């Protein structure tokens, strides 16, 4: 039985954008993000984080650092009554590292499609929330409904959007729109 999912970009959408964030002490939730996740949880959506993590390819931190950060995020979120079902990240970059051509770096849909297979996600009833055009394009390329938030890079990105893409203030407003639709 397939489930609907909310795919969420991490940096600039869930947490305040900080270049190459990989340490828990630098994590700062965007106001309303925890409540939005809890609302998605209560509504029965899978919550799946999909994030480009070029800092790995650039040699700034390792995949173990990302995993450690996500464990801390999970612990903090659990204390507040919510949960993220899965994390997917792309450690590649087109100009750095060993692998420069992949299908997982957004705007490619690889992370979303892999998550959909592994978690039996119903693509047409799912959403992608992010703050960059690459998040929107990954959602469109995967067949989910994209939503751009104006947090992070979103306010600047909105001028480059394909037509008919919903733009909202933040992830809380995205949750309100999804759950009232």
C-alpha atoms as a PDB file:
ATOM      1  CA  UNK A   1       0.000   0.000   0.000  1.00  0.00           C
ATOM      2  CA  UNK A   2       1.543   3.289  -1.054  1.00  0.00           C
ATOM      3  CA  UNK A   3       1.627   6.410   1.087  1.00  0.00           C
ATOM      4  CA  UNK A   4       1.815  10.089   0.320  1.00  0.00           C
ATOM      5  CA  UNK A   5       5.039  11.848   1.219  1.00  0.00           C
ATOM      6  CA  UNK A   6       6.285  15.314   1.921  1.00  0.00           C
ATOM      7  CA  UNK A   7       9.801  15.615   0.503  1.00  0.00           C
ATOM      8  CA  UNK A   8      11.553  18.511   2.202  1.00  0.00           C
ATOM      9  CA  UNK A   9      14.808  20.223   1.389  1.00  0.00           C
ATOM     10  CA  UNK A  10      16.882  20.711   4.523  1.00  0.00           C
ATOM     11  CA  UNK A  11      18.995  23.890   4.506  1.00  0.00           C
ATOM     12  CA  UNK A  12      16.932  27.043   4.076  1.00  0.00           C
ATOM     13  CA  UNK A  13      13.656  25.125   4.393  1.00  0.00           C
ATOM     14  CA  UNK A  14      13.822  23.312   7.761  1.00  0.00           C
ATOM     15  CA  UNK A  15      16.810  25.089   9.251  1.00  0.00           C
ATOM     16  CA  UNK A  16      18.249  28.558   8.835  1.00  0.00           C
ATOM     17  CA  UNK A  17      20.579  28.628   5.822  1.00  0.00           C
ATOM     18  CA  UNK A  18      24.226  28.506   6.920  1.00  0.00           C
ATOM     19  CA  UNK A  19      26.835  27.603   4.343  1.00  0.00           C
ATOM     20  CA  UNK A  20      27.844  23.945   4.533  1.00  0.00           C
ATOM     21  CA  UNK A  21      26.040  23.254   7.801  1.00  0.00           C
ATOM     22  CA  UNK A  22      27.183  19.961   9.278  1.00  0.00           C
ATOM     23  CA  UNK A  23      27.472  20.563  13.042  1.00  0.00           C
ATOM     24  CA  UNK A  24      24.588  20.365  15.497  1.00  0.00           C
ATOM     25  CA  UNK A  25      25.704  23.484  17.368  1.00  0.00           C
ATOM     26  CA  UNK A  26      25.114  25.474  14.144  1.00  0.00           C
ATOM     27  CA  UNK A  27      21.590  24.050  13.581  1.00  0.00           C
ATOM     28  CA  UNK A  28      18.723  26.515  14.017  1.00  0.00           C
ATOM     29  CA  UNK A  29      15.160  25.479  13.175  1.00  0.00           C
ATOM     30  CA  UNK A  30      13.235  27.897  10.977  1.00  0.00           C
ATOM     31  CA  UNK A  31      10.284  29.115  13.076  1.00  0.00           C
ATOM     32  CA  UNK A  32       7.290  26.856  12.474  1.00  0.00           C
ATOM     33  CA  UNK A  33       9.299  23.990  10.936  1.00  0.00           C
ATOM     34  CA  UNK A  34       8.902  21.597  13.867  1.00  0.00           C
ATOM     35  CA  UNK A  35       5.164  22.285  14.049  1.00  0.00           C
ATOM     36  CA  UNK A  36       4.837  21.704  10.284  1.00  0.00           C
ATOM     37  CA  UNK A  37       6.596  18.332  10.575  1.00  0.00           C
ATOM     38  CA  UNK A  38       4.339  17.346  13.468  1.00  0.00           C
ATOM     39  CA  UNK A  39       1.274  18.310  11.425  1.00  0.00           C
ATOM     40  CA  UNK A  40       2.485  16.200   8.487  1.00  0.00           C
ATOM     41  CA  UNK A  41       3.131  13.297  10.889  1.00  0.00           C
ATOM     42  CA  UNK A  42      -0.371  13.592  12.368  1.00  0.00           C
ATOM     43  CA  UNK A  43      -1.934  13.680   8.883  1.00  0.00           C
ATOM     44  CA  UNK A  44      -0.215  10.406   7.960  1.00  0.00           C
ATOM     45  CA  UNK A  45       2.319  11.742   5.467  1.00  0.00           C
ATOM     46  CA  UNK A  46       5.809  10.300   5.293  1.00  0.00           C
ATOM     47  CA  UNK A  47       8.325  13.081   5.955  1.00  0.00           C
ATOM     48  CA  UNK A  48      11.461  12.588   3.873  1.00  0.00           C
ATOM     49  CA  UNK A  49      14.365  15.039   3.803  1.00  0.00           C
ATOM     50  CA  UNK A  50      16.230  15.330   0.481  1.00  0.00           C
ATOM     51  CA  UNK A  51      19.337  17.490   0.523  1.00  0.00           C
ATOM     52  CA  UNK A  52      22.273  18.313  -1.747  1.00  0.00           C
ATOM     53  CA  UNK A  53      25.398  18.109   0.424  1.00  0.00           C
ATOM     54  CA  UNK A  54      28.235  19.350  -1.805  1.00  0.00           C
ATOM     55  CA  UNK A  55      30.423  19.933   1.250  1.00  0.00           C
ATOM     56  CA  UNK A  56      31.269  16.212   1.106  1.00  0.00           C
ATOM     57  CA  UNK A  57      32.588  16.420  -2.473  1.00  0.00           C
ATOM     58  CA  UNK A  58      34.417  19.627  -1.568  1.00  0.00           C
ATOM     59  CA  UNK A  59      36.172  17.843   1.331  1.00  0.00           C
ATOM     60  CA  UNK A  60      34.687  20.140   3.986  1.00  0.00           C
ATOM     61  CA  UNK A  61      33.069  17.321   5.997  1.00  0.00           C
ATOM     62  CA  UNK A  62      32.242  13.650   5.621  1.00  0.00           C
ATOM     63  CA  UNK A  63      29.103  11.576   5.322  1.00  0.00           C
ATOM     64  CA  UNK A  64      29.557  10.490   8.958  1.00  0.00           C
ATOM     65  CA  UNK A  65      29.193  14.159   9.939  1.00  0.00           C
ATOM     66  CA  UNK A  66      25.891  14.389   8.047  1.00  0.00           C
ATOM     67  CA  UNK A  67      24.627  11.193   9.696  1.00  0.00           C
ATOM     68  CA  UNK A  68      25.629  12.505  13.143  1.00  0.00           C
ATOM     69  CA  UNK A  69      23.823  15.786  12.512  1.00  0.00           C
ATOM     70  CA  UNK A  70      20.689  13.961  11.380  1.00  0.00           C
ATOM     71  CA  UNK A  71      20.731  11.817  14.539  1.00  0.00           C
ATOM     72  CA  UNK A  72      20.828  15.026  16.608  1.00  0.00           C
ATOM     73  CA  UNK A  73      17.991  16.533  14.540  1.00  0.00           C
ATOM     74  CA  UNK A  74      15.977  13.345  15.106  1.00  0.00           C
ATOM     75  CA  UNK A  75      16.589  13.422  18.863  1.00  0.00           C
ATOM     76  CA  UNK A  76      15.580  17.080  19.098  1.00  0.00           C
ATOM     77  CA  UNK A  77      12.514  16.546  16.958  1.00  0.00           C
ATOM     78  CA  UNK A  78      11.479  13.471  18.946  1.00  0.00           C
ATOM     79  CA  UNK A  79      11.695  15.492  22.192  1.00  0.00           C
ATOM     80  CA  UNK A  80       9.258  17.930  20.572  1.00  0.00           C
ATOM     81  CA  UNK A  81       6.846  15.205  19.458  1.00  0.00           C
ATOM     82  CA  UNK A  82       7.674  14.839  15.756  1.00  0.00           C
ATOM     83  CA  UNK A  83       9.754  12.642  13.487  1.00  0.00           C
ATOM     84  CA  UNK A  84      11.399  12.496  10.083  1.00  0.00           C
ATOM     85  CA  UNK A  85      10.907   9.137   8.372  1.00  0.00           C
ATOM     86  CA  UNK A  86      14.055   9.178   6.220  1.00  0.00           C
ATOM     87  CA  UNK A  87      16.956  11.278   5.003  1.00  0.00           C
ATOM     88  CA  UNK A  88      18.466  11.199   1.538  1.00  0.00           C
ATOM     89  CA  UNK A  89      21.368  13.373   0.494  1.00  0.00           C
ATOM     90  CA  UNK A  90      23.580  13.805  -2.531  1.00  0.00           C
ATOM     91  CA  UNK A  91      27.276  14.046  -1.585  1.00  0.00           C
ATOM     92  CA  UNK A  92      28.314  14.876  -5.168  1.00  0.00           C
ATOM     93  CA  UNK A  93      29.179  18.064  -7.032  1.00  0.00           C
ATOM     94  CA  UNK A  94      29.649  18.665 -10.769  1.00  0.00           C
ATOM     95  CA  UNK A  95      33.076  20.289 -10.224  1.00  0.00           C
ATOM     96  CA  UNK A  96      34.469  18.525  -7.140  1.00  0.00           C
ATOM     97  CA  UNK A  97      35.053  14.995  -5.888  1.00  0.00           C
ATOM     98  CA  UNK A  98      35.285  11.643  -7.648  1.00  0.00           C
ATOM     99  CA  UNK A  99      31.701  11.456  -8.951  1.00  0.00           C
ATOM    100  CA  UNK A 100      30.688  14.548 -10.891  1.00  0.00           C
ATOM    101  CA  UNK A 101      27.729  13.239 -12.876  1.00  0.00           C
ATOM    102  CA  UNK A 102      24.941  11.650 -10.853  1.00  0.00           C
ATOM    103  CA  UNK A 103      21.169  11.327 -10.882  1.00  0.00           C
ATOM    104  CA  UNK A 104      20.750  12.298  -7.231  1.00  0.00           C
ATOM    105  CA  UNK A 105      21.876  15.937  -7.188  1.00  0.00           C
ATOM    106  CA  UNK A 106      18.819  18.132  -7.390  1.00  0.00           C
ATOM    107  CA  UNK A 107      17.394  19.188  -9.875  1.00  0.00           C
ATOM    108  CA  UNK A 108      17.738  15.522 -10.867  1.00  0.00           C
ATOM    109  CA  UNK A 109      14.977  13.426  -9.272  1.00  0.00           C
ATOM    110  CA  UNK A 110      17.169  10.515  -8.083  1.00  0.00           C
ATOM    111  CA  UNK A 111      16.792  11.057  -4.332  1.00  0.00           C
ATOM    112  CA  UNK A 112      13.025  11.429  -4.559  1.00  0.00           C
ATOM    113  CA  UNK A 113      12.621   8.402  -6.823  1.00  0.00           C
ATOM    114  CA  UNK A 114      14.864   6.233  -4.634  1.00  0.00           C
ATOM    115  CA  UNK A 115      12.889   7.261  -1.548  1.00  0.00           C
ATOM    116  CA  UNK A 116       9.630   6.587  -3.389  1.00  0.00           C
ATOM    117  CA  UNK A 117      10.754   3.051  -4.249  1.00  0.00           C
ATOM    118  CA  UNK A 118      12.122   2.279  -0.789  1.00  0.00           C
ATOM    119  CA  UNK A 119       9.114   3.679   1.096  1.00  0.00           C
ATOM    120  CA  UNK A 120       6.337   2.804  -1.381  1.00  0.00           C
ATOM    121  CA  UNK A 121       5.442   6.450  -1.950  1.00  0.00           C
ATOM    122  CA  UNK A 122       2.471   7.430  -4.088  1.00  0.00           C
ATOM    123  CA  UNK A 123       4.162  10.033  -6.287  1.00  0.00           C
ATOM    124  CA  UNK A 124       1.072  11.856  -7.641  1.00  0.00           C
ATOM    125  CA  UNK A 125      -0.227  12.607  -4.129  1.00  0.00           C
ATOM    126  CA  UNK A 126       3.135  13.783  -2.783  1.00  0.00           C
ATOM    127  CA  UNK A 127       4.868  17.162  -2.475  1.00  0.00           C
ATOM    128  CA  UNK A 128       8.378  18.652  -2.580  1.00  0.00           C
ATOM    129  CA  UNK A 129       9.017  21.714  -0.410  1.00  0.00           C
ATOM    130  CA  UNK A 130      12.221  23.691  -0.897  1.00  0.00           C
ATOM    131  CA  UNK A 131      13.848  27.084  -1.177  1.00  0.00           C
ATOM    132  CA  UNK A 132      15.649  26.726  -4.521  1.00  0.00           C
ATOM    133  CA  UNK A 133      14.662  26.312  -8.144  1.00  0.00           C
ATOM    134  CA  UNK A 134      16.584  23.013  -8.088  1.00  0.00           C
ATOM    135  CA  UNK A 135      14.168  21.738  -5.392  1.00  0.00           C
ATOM    136  CA  UNK A 136      11.169  22.730  -7.513  1.00  0.00           C
ATOM    137  CA  UNK A 137      12.691  21.140 -10.627  1.00  0.00           C
ATOM    138  CA  UNK A 138      13.516  17.919  -8.734  1.00  0.00           C
ATOM    139  CA  UNK A 139       9.883  17.756  -7.634  1.00  0.00           C
ATOM    140  CA  UNK A 140       8.624  18.348 -11.155  1.00  0.00           C
ATOM    141  CA  UNK A 141      11.106  15.814 -12.577  1.00  0.00           C
ATOM    142  CA  UNK A 142       9.930  13.209 -10.038  1.00  0.00           C
ATOM    143  CA  UNK A 143       6.242  13.899 -10.655  1.00  0.00           C
ATOM    144  CA  UNK A 144       5.353  15.419  -7.271  1.00  0.00           C
ATOM    145  CA  UNK A 145       3.795  18.822  -6.623  1.00  0.00           C
ATOM    146  CA  UNK A 146       6.530  21.371  -5.832  1.00  0.00           C
ATOM    147  CA  UNK A 147       6.191  24.281  -3.407  1.00  0.00           C
ATOM    148  CA  UNK A 148       8.790  27.029  -3.053  1.00  0.00           C
ATOM    149  CA  UNK A 149       9.251  28.634   0.371  1.00  0.00           C
ATOM    150  CA  UNK A 150      10.580  32.184   0.667  1.00  0.00           C
ATOM    151  CA  UNK A 151      12.971  31.275   3.482  1.00  0.00           C
ATOM    152  CA  UNK A 152      16.620  30.510   2.701  1.00  0.00           C
ATOM    153  CA  UNK A 153      17.199  31.365  -0.956  1.00  0.00           C
ATOM    154  CA  UNK A 154      13.498  31.241  -1.838  1.00  0.00           C
ATOM    155  CA  UNK A 155      12.765  34.963  -1.995  1.00  0.00           C
ATOM    156  CA  UNK A 156      15.423  35.382  -4.699  1.00  0.00           C
ATOM    157  CA  UNK A 157      14.615  32.088  -6.462  1.00  0.00           C
ATOM    158  CA  UNK A 158      10.966  32.910  -7.087  1.00  0.00           C
ATOM    159  CA  UNK A 159      11.791  35.042 -10.150  1.00  0.00           C
ATOM    160  CA  UNK A 160      13.325  31.990 -11.907  1.00  0.00           C
ATOM    161  CA  UNK A 161      10.437  29.591 -11.284  1.00  0.00           C
ATOM    162  CA  UNK A 162       8.577  27.690 -13.947  1.00  0.00           C
ATOM    163  CA  UNK A 163       4.948  28.866 -14.304  1.00  0.00           C
ATOM    164  CA  UNK A 164       2.223  27.739 -11.902  1.00  0.00           C
ATOM    165  CA  UNK A 165       4.508  26.809  -8.992  1.00  0.00           C
ATOM    166  CA  UNK A 166       3.067  27.712  -5.603  1.00  0.00           C
ATOM    167  CA  UNK A 167       5.194  30.130  -3.548  1.00  0.00           C
ATOM    168  CA  UNK A 168       4.543  30.461   0.190  1.00  0.00           C
ATOM    169  CA  UNK A 169       6.164  32.316   3.076  1.00  0.00           C
ATOM    170  CA  UNK A 170       7.661  29.298   4.857  1.00  0.00           C
ATOM    171  CA  UNK A 171       7.205  25.601   5.612  1.00  0.00           C
ATOM    172  CA  UNK A 172       4.397  26.387   8.058  1.00  0.00           C
ATOM    173  CA  UNK A 173       2.440  28.082   5.259  1.00  0.00           C
ATOM    174  CA  UNK A 174       3.215  25.104   2.979  1.00  0.00           C
ATOM    175  CA  UNK A 175       1.796  22.753   5.621  1.00  0.00           C
ATOM    176  CA  UNK A 176      -1.307  24.907   5.948  1.00  0.00           C
ATOM    177  CA  UNK A 177      -1.863  24.864   2.168  1.00  0.00           C
ATOM    178  CA  UNK A 178      -1.239  21.100   1.784  1.00  0.00           C
ATOM    179  CA  UNK A 179      -3.383  20.092   4.747  1.00  0.00           C
ATOM    180  CA  UNK A 180      -6.289  22.349   3.770  1.00  0.00           C
ATOM    181  CA  UNK A 181      -6.282  21.288   0.083  1.00  0.00           C
END
